[in-house]
PDB file of N, CA and C in Angstrom:
ATOM      1  N   MET A   1    -105.390 -25.154 187.949  1.00  0.00           N
ATOM      2  CA  MET A   1    -104.962 -24.507 186.707  1.00  0.00           C
ATOM      3  C   MET A   1    -103.444 -24.342 186.696  1.00  0.00           C
ATOM      4  N   LEU A   2    -102.903 -23.957 187.834  1.00  0.00           N
ATOM      5  CA  LEU A   2    -101.451 -23.779 187.925  1.00  0.00           C
ATOM      6  C   LEU A   2    -100.749 -25.115 187.674  1.00  0.00           C
ATOM      7  N   ASN A   3    -101.340 -26.197 188.181  1.00  0.00           N
ATOM      8  CA  ASN A   3    -100.757 -27.523 187.996  1.00  0.00           C
ATOM      9  C   ASN A   3    -100.726 -27.890 186.523  1.00  0.00           C
ATOM     10  N   PHE A   4    -101.783 -27.508 185.786  1.00  0.00           N
ATOM     11  CA  PHE A   4    -101.846 -27.807 184.354  1.00  0.00           C
ATOM     12  C   PHE A   4    -100.684 -27.137 183.624  1.00  0.00           C
ATOM     13  N   PHE A   5    -100.474 -25.858 183.901  1.00  0.00           N
ATOM     14  CA  PHE A   5     -99.390 -25.135 183.242  1.00  0.00           C
ATOM     15  C   PHE A   5     -98.036 -25.706 183.626  1.00  0.00           C
ATOM     16  N   SER A   6     -97.919 -26.133 184.860  1.00  0.00           N
ATOM     17  CA  SER A   6     -96.661 -26.711 185.329  1.00  0.00           C
ATOM     18  C   SER A   6     -96.381 -28.000 184.576  1.00  0.00           C
ATOM     19  N   ASN A   7     -97.412 -28.820 184.390  1.00  0.00           N
ATOM     20  CA  ASN A   7     -97.230 -30.083 183.666  1.00  0.00           C
ATOM     21  C   ASN A   7     -96.867 -29.822 182.207  1.00  0.00           C
ATOM     22  N   MET A   8     -97.523 -28.844 181.585  1.00  0.00           N
ATOM     23  CA  MET A   8     -97.228 -28.512 180.195  1.00  0.00           C
ATOM     24  C   MET A   8     -95.784 -28.049 180.068  1.00  0.00           C
ATOM     25  N   LYS A   9     -95.359 -27.212 181.000  1.00  0.00           N
ATOM     26  CA  LYS A   9     -93.994 -26.690 180.975  1.00  0.00           C
ATOM     27  C   LYS A   9     -92.991 -27.836 181.081  1.00  0.00           C
ATOM     28  N   ASP A  10     -93.276 -28.798 181.973  1.00  0.00           N
ATOM     29  CA  ASP A  10     -92.378 -29.940 182.150  1.00  0.00           C
ATOM     30  C   ASP A  10     -92.312 -30.778 180.874  1.00  0.00           C
ATOM     31  N   LYS A  11     -93.464 -30.998 180.228  1.00  0.00           N
ATOM     32  CA  LYS A  11     -93.483 -31.814 179.006  1.00  0.00           C
ATOM     33  C   LYS A  11     -92.693 -31.136 177.899  1.00  0.00           C
ATOM     34  N   ILE A  12     -92.916 -29.831 177.725  1.00  0.00           N
ATOM     35  CA  ILE A  12     -92.213 -29.090 176.678  1.00  0.00           C
ATOM     36  C   ILE A  12     -90.718 -29.089 176.966  1.00  0.00           C
ATOM     37  N   TYR A  13     -90.370 -28.882 178.228  1.00  0.00           N
ATOM     38  CA  TYR A  13     -88.962 -28.848 178.617  1.00  0.00           C
ATOM     39  C   TYR A  13     -88.301 -30.198 178.351  1.00  0.00           C
ATOM     40  N   ASN A  14     -88.990 -31.279 178.713  1.00  0.00           N
ATOM     41  CA  ASN A  14     -88.425 -32.616 178.507  1.00  0.00           C
ATOM     42  C   ASN A  14     -88.215 -32.887 177.018  1.00  0.00           C
ATOM     43  N   LYS A  15     -89.188 -32.484 176.186  1.00  0.00           N
ATOM     44  CA  LYS A  15     -89.049 -32.703 174.743  1.00  0.00           C
ATOM     45  C   LYS A  15     -87.880 -31.904 174.201  1.00  0.00           C
ATOM     46  N   ALA A  16     -87.729 -30.673 174.678  1.00  0.00           N
ATOM     47  CA  ALA A  16     -86.634 -29.820 174.211  1.00  0.00           C
ATOM     48  C   ALA A  16     -85.290 -30.425 174.605  1.00  0.00           C
ATOM     49  N   VAL A  17     -85.202 -30.936 175.827  1.00  0.00           N
ATOM     50  CA  VAL A  17     -83.945 -31.522 176.313  1.00  0.00           C
ATOM     51  C   VAL A  17     -83.589 -32.753 175.486  1.00  0.00           C
ATOM     52  N   VAL A  18     -84.572 -33.608 175.232  1.00  0.00           N
ATOM     53  CA  VAL A  18     -84.324 -34.823 174.439  1.00  0.00           C
ATOM     54  C   VAL A  18     -83.888 -34.444 173.033  1.00  0.00           C
ATOM     55  N   PHE A  19     -84.578 -33.457 172.444  1.00  0.00           N
ATOM     56  CA  PHE A  19     -84.254 -33.026 171.083  1.00  0.00           C
ATOM     57  C   PHE A  19     -82.835 -32.464 171.021  1.00  0.00           C
ATOM     58  N   LEU A  20     -82.494 -31.596 171.974  1.00  0.00           N
ATOM     59  CA  LEU A  20     -81.165 -30.981 171.976  1.00  0.00           C
ATOM     60  C   LEU A  20     -80.085 -32.024 172.227  1.00  0.00           C
ATOM     61  N   ASN A  21     -80.370 -32.971 173.128  1.00  0.00           N
ATOM     62  CA  ASN A  21     -79.380 -34.015 173.400  1.00  0.00           C
ATOM     63  C   ASN A  21     -79.137 -34.856 172.149  1.00  0.00           C
ATOM     64  N   HIS A  22     -80.220 -35.156 171.418  1.00  0.00           N
ATOM     65  CA  HIS A  22     -80.090 -35.953 170.200  1.00  0.00           C
ATOM     66  C   HIS A  22     -79.241 -35.209 169.174  1.00  0.00           C
ATOM     67  N   ARG A  23     -79.517 -33.916 169.006  1.00  0.00           N
ATOM     68  CA  ARG A  23     -78.762 -33.114 168.050  1.00  0.00           C
ATOM     69  C   ARG A  23     -77.300 -33.039 168.464  1.00  0.00           C
ATOM     70  N   PHE A  24     -77.057 -32.895 169.768  1.00  0.00           N
ATOM     71  CA  PHE A  24     -75.698 -32.773 170.282  1.00  0.00           C
ATOM     72  C   PHE A  24     -74.923 -34.064 170.048  1.00  0.00           C
ATOM     73  N   VAL A  25     -75.575 -35.198 170.309  1.00  0.00           N
ATOM     74  CA  VAL A  25     -74.910 -36.490 170.110  1.00  0.00           C
ATOM     75  C   VAL A  25     -74.576 -36.680 168.630  1.00  0.00           C
ATOM     76  N   ARG A  26     -75.501 -36.327 167.757  1.00  0.00           N
ATOM     77  CA  ARG A  26     -75.251 -36.467 166.319  1.00  0.00           C
ATOM     78  C   ARG A  26     -74.083 -35.580 165.901  1.00  0.00           C
ATOM     79  N   ALA A  27     -74.035 -34.364 166.431  1.00  0.00           N
ATOM     80  CA  ALA A  27     -72.954 -33.434 166.089  1.00  0.00           C
ATOM     81  C   ALA A  27     -71.614 -33.987 166.572  1.00  0.00           C
ATOM     82  N   MET A  28     -71.603 -34.570 167.765  1.00  0.00           N
ATOM     83  CA  MET A  28     -70.367 -35.129 168.306  1.00  0.00           C
ATOM     84  C   MET A  28     -69.910 -36.311 167.454  1.00  0.00           C
ATOM     85  N   GLN A  29     -70.861 -37.154 167.039  1.00  0.00           N
ATOM     86  CA  GLN A  29     -70.519 -38.303 166.201  1.00  0.00           C
ATOM     87  C   GLN A  29     -69.968 -37.825 164.860  1.00  0.00           C
ATOM     88  N   TYR A  30     -70.582 -36.789 164.299  1.00  0.00           N
ATOM     89  CA  TYR A  30     -70.154 -36.258 163.013  1.00  0.00           C
ATOM     90  C   TYR A  30     -68.735 -35.716 163.124  1.00  0.00           C
ATOM     91  N   MET A  31     -68.468 -34.960 164.197  1.00  0.00           N
ATOM     92  CA  MET A  31     -67.129 -34.406 164.400  1.00  0.00           C
ATOM     93  C   MET A  31     -66.129 -35.528 164.636  1.00  0.00           C
ATOM     94  N   GLY A  32     -66.542 -36.544 165.385  1.00  0.00           N
ATOM     95  CA  GLY A  32     -65.658 -37.671 165.649  1.00  0.00           C
ATOM     96  C   GLY A  32     -65.307 -38.402 164.369  1.00  0.00           C
ATOM     97  N   ASP A  33     -66.299 -38.579 163.491  1.00  0.00           N
ATOM     98  CA  ASP A  33     -66.045 -39.244 162.208  1.00  0.00           C
ATOM     99  C   ASP A  33     -65.107 -38.403 161.353  1.00  0.00           C
ATOM    100  N   ALA A  34     -65.302 -37.085 161.362  1.00  0.00           N
ATOM    101  CA  ALA A  34     -64.462 -36.196 160.562  1.00  0.00           C
ATOM    102  C   ALA A  34     -63.019 -36.261 161.052  1.00  0.00           C
ATOM    103  N   VAL A  35     -62.841 -36.258 162.356  1.00  0.00           N
ATOM    104  CA  VAL A  35     -61.492 -36.323 162.929  1.00  0.00           C
ATOM    105  C   VAL A  35     -60.858 -37.679 162.618  1.00  0.00           C
ATOM    106  N   ALA A  36     -61.638 -38.754 162.748  1.00  0.00           N
ATOM    107  CA  ALA A  36     -61.117 -40.095 162.484  1.00  0.00           C
ATOM    108  C   ALA A  36     -60.726 -40.213 161.012  1.00  0.00           C
ATOM    109  N   GLY A  37     -61.553 -39.663 160.121  1.00  0.00           N
ATOM    110  CA  GLY A  37     -61.253 -39.712 158.695  1.00  0.00           C
ATOM    111  C   GLY A  37     -59.981 -38.940 158.384  1.00  0.00           C
ATOM    112  N   ARG A  38     -59.793 -37.829 159.072  1.00  0.00           N
ATOM    113  CA  ARG A  38     -58.606 -37.016 158.837  1.00  0.00           C
ATOM    114  C   ARG A  38     -57.361 -37.764 159.332  1.00  0.00           C
ATOM    115  N   ASP A  39     -57.524 -38.480 160.459  1.00  0.00           N
ATOM    116  CA  ASP A  39     -56.370 -39.216 160.999  1.00  0.00           C
ATOM    117  C   ASP A  39     -55.960 -40.359 160.073  1.00  0.00           C
ATOM    118  N   GLN A  40     -56.914 -41.009 159.436  1.00  0.00           N
ATOM    119  CA  GLN A  40     -56.616 -42.163 158.599  1.00  0.00           C
ATOM    120  C   GLN A  40     -55.828 -41.774 157.359  1.00  0.00           C
ATOM    121  N   SER A  41     -56.159 -40.606 156.787  1.00  0.00           N
ATOM    122  CA  SER A  41     -55.519 -40.250 155.523  1.00  0.00           C
ATOM    123  C   SER A  41     -54.141 -39.630 155.714  1.00  0.00           C
TER     124      SER A  41
END
């Protein structure tokens, strides 16, 4: 039973990490585009 909860925790944690990393990368790209656009004008 303990192993089951451990596996569930790992799966949820992995999904959260992937989701947060994706959001972080998108935010960095958005900021990078904003800075690049500001530099061009």
